[in-house]
Amino acid sequence: MSRDFSVIIERDAEGFYVATVPGLRGCHTQARSLDQLVDRVKEAIQVCLDTEREDEIPLDFIGVQKITLAS
């Protein structure tokens, strides 16, 4: 059985790529390259699924919204 997961990818100030899986609480990783990040996020997803509690209801990813606050 296959499952699809949405992944948010960002780059931090030091040049690392950071991946977050909104549908799995606490599921995130980082890497120096996008290829390495994809491998690591697959591992992170598997770890999260292996430790996921039975009674947890998975979140559905809706989207990303940019919010601007005036200073």
N, C-alpha and C. Protein backbone atom coordinates (compact mmCIF):
# COMPACT_ATOMS: atom_id res chain seq x y z
N MET A 1 0.84 -1.17 0.00
CA MET A 1 0.00 0.00 0.00
C MET A 1 0.89 1.24 0.00
N SER A 2 0.64 2.16 -0.90
CA SER A 2 1.44 3.39 -0.95
C SER A 2 0.61 4.55 -0.42
N ARG A 3 1.28 5.51 0.17
CA ARG A 3 0.65 6.72 0.68
C ARG A 3 1.42 7.92 0.16
N ASP A 4 0.71 8.98 -0.13
CA ASP A 4 1.33 10.22 -0.59
C ASP A 4 1.42 11.20 0.58
N PHE A 5 2.52 11.95 0.64
CA PHE A 5 2.72 12.95 1.67
C PHE A 5 3.18 14.24 1.02
N SER A 6 2.62 15.36 1.44
CA SER A 6 3.09 16.67 1.01
C SER A 6 4.29 17.03 1.86
N VAL A 7 5.29 17.65 1.24
CA VAL A 7 6.51 18.03 1.95
C VAL A 7 6.81 19.49 1.64
N ILE A 8 7.03 20.28 2.66
CA ILE A 8 7.44 21.68 2.50
C ILE A 8 8.96 21.72 2.56
N ILE A 9 9.59 22.32 1.56
CA ILE A 9 11.04 22.41 1.51
C ILE A 9 11.45 23.88 1.56
N GLU A 10 12.35 24.19 2.48
CA GLU A 10 12.86 25.54 2.64
C GLU A 10 14.38 25.48 2.68
N ARG A 11 15.05 26.61 2.55
CA ARG A 11 16.50 26.67 2.70
C ARG A 11 16.80 27.67 3.81
N ASP A 12 17.65 27.27 4.77
CA ASP A 12 17.97 28.15 5.89
C ASP A 12 19.14 29.08 5.55
N ALA A 13 19.50 29.93 6.48
CA ALA A 13 20.54 30.94 6.26
C ALA A 13 21.91 30.32 6.01
N GLU A 14 22.13 29.10 6.47
CA GLU A 14 23.42 28.44 6.29
C GLU A 14 23.46 27.57 5.02
N GLY A 15 22.38 27.57 4.24
CA GLY A 15 22.34 26.84 2.99
C GLY A 15 21.80 25.42 3.08
N PHE A 16 21.38 24.99 4.27
CA PHE A 16 20.79 23.66 4.42
C PHE A 16 19.35 23.68 3.91
N TYR A 17 18.96 22.59 3.27
CA TYR A 17 17.56 22.41 2.88
C TYR A 17 16.85 21.75 4.05
N VAL A 18 15.66 22.24 4.36
CA VAL A 18 14.88 21.75 5.49
C VAL A 18 13.54 21.26 4.96
N ALA A 19 13.18 20.03 5.29
CA ALA A 19 11.91 19.45 4.86
C ALA A 19 11.01 19.22 6.06
N THR A 20 9.76 19.59 5.92
CA THR A 20 8.75 19.38 6.94
C THR A 20 7.56 18.68 6.30
N VAL A 21 7.04 17.67 6.97
CA VAL A 21 5.87 16.93 6.48
C VAL A 21 4.68 17.34 7.35
N PRO A 22 3.83 18.26 6.85
CA PRO A 22 2.74 18.77 7.66
C PRO A 22 1.75 17.69 8.12
N GLY A 23 1.60 16.63 7.37
CA GLY A 23 0.64 15.59 7.71
C GLY A 23 1.07 14.68 8.84
N LEU A 24 2.33 14.80 9.27
CA LEU A 24 2.85 13.97 10.35
C LEU A 24 3.49 14.88 11.40
N ARG A 25 2.91 14.93 12.56
CA ARG A 25 3.42 15.81 13.62
C ARG A 25 4.88 15.49 13.94
N GLY A 26 5.72 16.54 13.95
CA GLY A 26 7.11 16.40 14.32
C GLY A 26 7.99 15.77 13.27
N CYS A 27 7.50 15.64 12.05
CA CYS A 27 8.28 14.98 10.99
C CYS A 27 9.02 16.03 10.17
N HIS A 28 10.34 16.07 10.36
CA HIS A 28 11.17 17.02 9.62
C HIS A 28 12.61 16.52 9.59
N THR A 29 13.39 17.05 8.65
CA THR A 29 14.79 16.70 8.51
C THR A 29 15.49 17.79 7.72
N GLN A 30 16.82 17.68 7.60
CA GLN A 30 17.57 18.65 6.81
C GLN A 30 18.74 17.97 6.12
N ALA A 31 19.26 18.64 5.07
CA ALA A 31 20.40 18.09 4.33
C ALA A 31 21.06 19.21 3.53
N ARG A 32 22.27 18.94 3.04
CA ARG A 32 23.01 19.92 2.23
C ARG A 32 22.53 19.96 0.79
N SER A 33 22.00 18.84 0.26
CA SER A 33 21.54 18.81 -1.13
C SER A 33 20.10 18.32 -1.19
N LEU A 34 19.42 18.65 -2.30
CA LEU A 34 18.03 18.21 -2.46
C LEU A 34 17.94 16.69 -2.60
N ASP A 35 18.91 16.08 -3.30
CA ASP A 35 18.90 14.62 -3.44
C ASP A 35 19.00 13.94 -2.08
N GLN A 36 19.91 14.42 -1.26
CA GLN A 36 20.08 13.86 0.08
C GLN A 36 18.83 14.14 0.93
N LEU A 37 18.23 15.31 0.74
CA LEU A 37 17.03 15.65 1.51
C LEU A 37 15.89 14.69 1.21
N VAL A 38 15.71 14.34 -0.06
CA VAL A 38 14.64 13.42 -0.44
C VAL A 38 14.84 12.07 0.25
N ASP A 39 16.07 11.57 0.24
CA ASP A 39 16.34 10.30 0.93
C ASP A 39 16.05 10.40 2.42
N ARG A 40 16.49 11.50 3.02
CA ARG A 40 16.30 11.67 4.46
C ARG A 40 14.84 11.85 4.84
N VAL A 41 14.07 12.56 4.00
CA VAL A 41 12.67 12.78 4.36
C VAL A 41 11.88 11.47 4.23
N LYS A 42 12.27 10.62 3.28
CA LYS A 42 11.62 9.30 3.18
C LYS A 42 11.88 8.50 4.45
N GLU A 43 13.13 8.55 4.95
CA GLU A 43 13.46 7.86 6.19
C GLU A 43 12.68 8.45 7.36
N ALA A 44 12.60 9.78 7.43
CA ALA A 44 11.88 10.44 8.51
C ALA A 44 10.40 10.07 8.49
N ILE A 45 9.80 10.04 7.32
CA ILE A 45 8.39 9.64 7.20
C ILE A 45 8.20 8.22 7.72
N GLN A 46 9.09 7.32 7.33
CA GLN A 46 8.96 5.93 7.78
C GLN A 46 9.08 5.82 9.29
N VAL A 47 10.02 6.56 9.89
CA VAL A 47 10.16 6.56 11.35
C VAL A 47 8.90 7.09 12.01
N CYS A 48 8.36 8.18 11.48
CA CYS A 48 7.13 8.75 12.05
C CYS A 48 5.97 7.77 11.93
N LEU A 49 5.86 7.10 10.80
CA LEU A 49 4.78 6.12 10.63
C LEU A 49 4.95 4.93 11.57
N ASP A 50 6.20 4.50 11.77
CA ASP A 50 6.47 3.38 12.66
C ASP A 50 6.15 3.70 14.11
N THR A 51 6.28 4.97 14.50
CA THR A 51 6.04 5.36 15.89
C THR A 51 4.69 6.04 16.09
N GLU A 52 3.93 6.21 15.02
CA GLU A 52 2.62 6.87 15.09
C GLU A 52 1.69 6.07 15.98
N ARG A 53 1.03 6.78 16.87
CA ARG A 53 0.06 6.13 17.74
C ARG A 53 -1.20 5.80 16.96
N GLU A 54 -1.82 4.72 17.31
CA GLU A 54 -3.04 4.27 16.62
C GLU A 54 -4.17 5.28 16.68
N ASP A 55 -4.30 5.99 17.81
CA ASP A 55 -5.44 6.89 17.99
C ASP A 55 -5.21 8.28 17.41
N GLU A 56 -4.02 8.56 16.87
CA GLU A 56 -3.76 9.86 16.26
C GLU A 56 -4.46 9.96 14.91
N ILE A 57 -5.08 11.09 14.69
CA ILE A 57 -5.75 11.34 13.42
C ILE A 57 -4.79 12.14 12.55
N PRO A 58 -4.42 11.62 11.37
CA PRO A 58 -3.47 12.33 10.52
C PRO A 58 -4.05 13.66 10.02
N LEU A 59 -3.16 14.63 9.84
CA LEU A 59 -3.57 15.94 9.34
C LEU A 59 -3.57 15.92 7.81
N ASP A 60 -4.49 16.65 7.20
CA ASP A 60 -4.52 16.82 5.76
C ASP A 60 -3.86 18.14 5.42
N PHE A 61 -2.88 18.12 4.51
CA PHE A 61 -2.21 19.34 4.09
C PHE A 61 -3.16 20.14 3.21
N ILE A 62 -3.34 21.41 3.54
CA ILE A 62 -4.25 22.28 2.79
C ILE A 62 -3.47 23.22 1.87
N GLY A 63 -2.41 23.81 2.37
CA GLY A 63 -1.63 24.72 1.55
C GLY A 63 -0.71 25.58 2.39
N VAL A 64 -0.02 26.47 1.71
CA VAL A 64 0.89 27.40 2.36
C VAL A 64 0.37 28.80 2.11
N GLN A 65 0.34 29.61 3.14
CA GLN A 65 -0.14 30.98 3.03
C GLN A 65 0.93 31.93 3.54
N LYS A 66 1.28 32.93 2.77
CA LYS A 66 2.25 33.93 3.21
C LYS A 66 1.49 35.05 3.90
N ILE A 67 1.91 35.37 5.12
CA ILE A 67 1.28 36.43 5.90
C ILE A 67 2.31 37.53 6.13
N THR A 68 1.96 38.77 5.86
CA THR A 68 2.86 39.90 6.06
C THR A 68 2.31 40.76 7.18
N LEU A 69 3.18 41.08 8.14
CA LEU A 69 2.83 41.98 9.24
C LEU A 69 3.57 43.29 9.06
N ALA A 70 2.87 44.40 9.23
CA ALA A 70 3.52 45.71 9.15
C ALA A 70 4.33 45.92 10.42
N SER A 71 5.53 46.50 10.27
CA SER A 71 6.38 46.74 11.45
C SER A 71 6.06 48.07 12.07
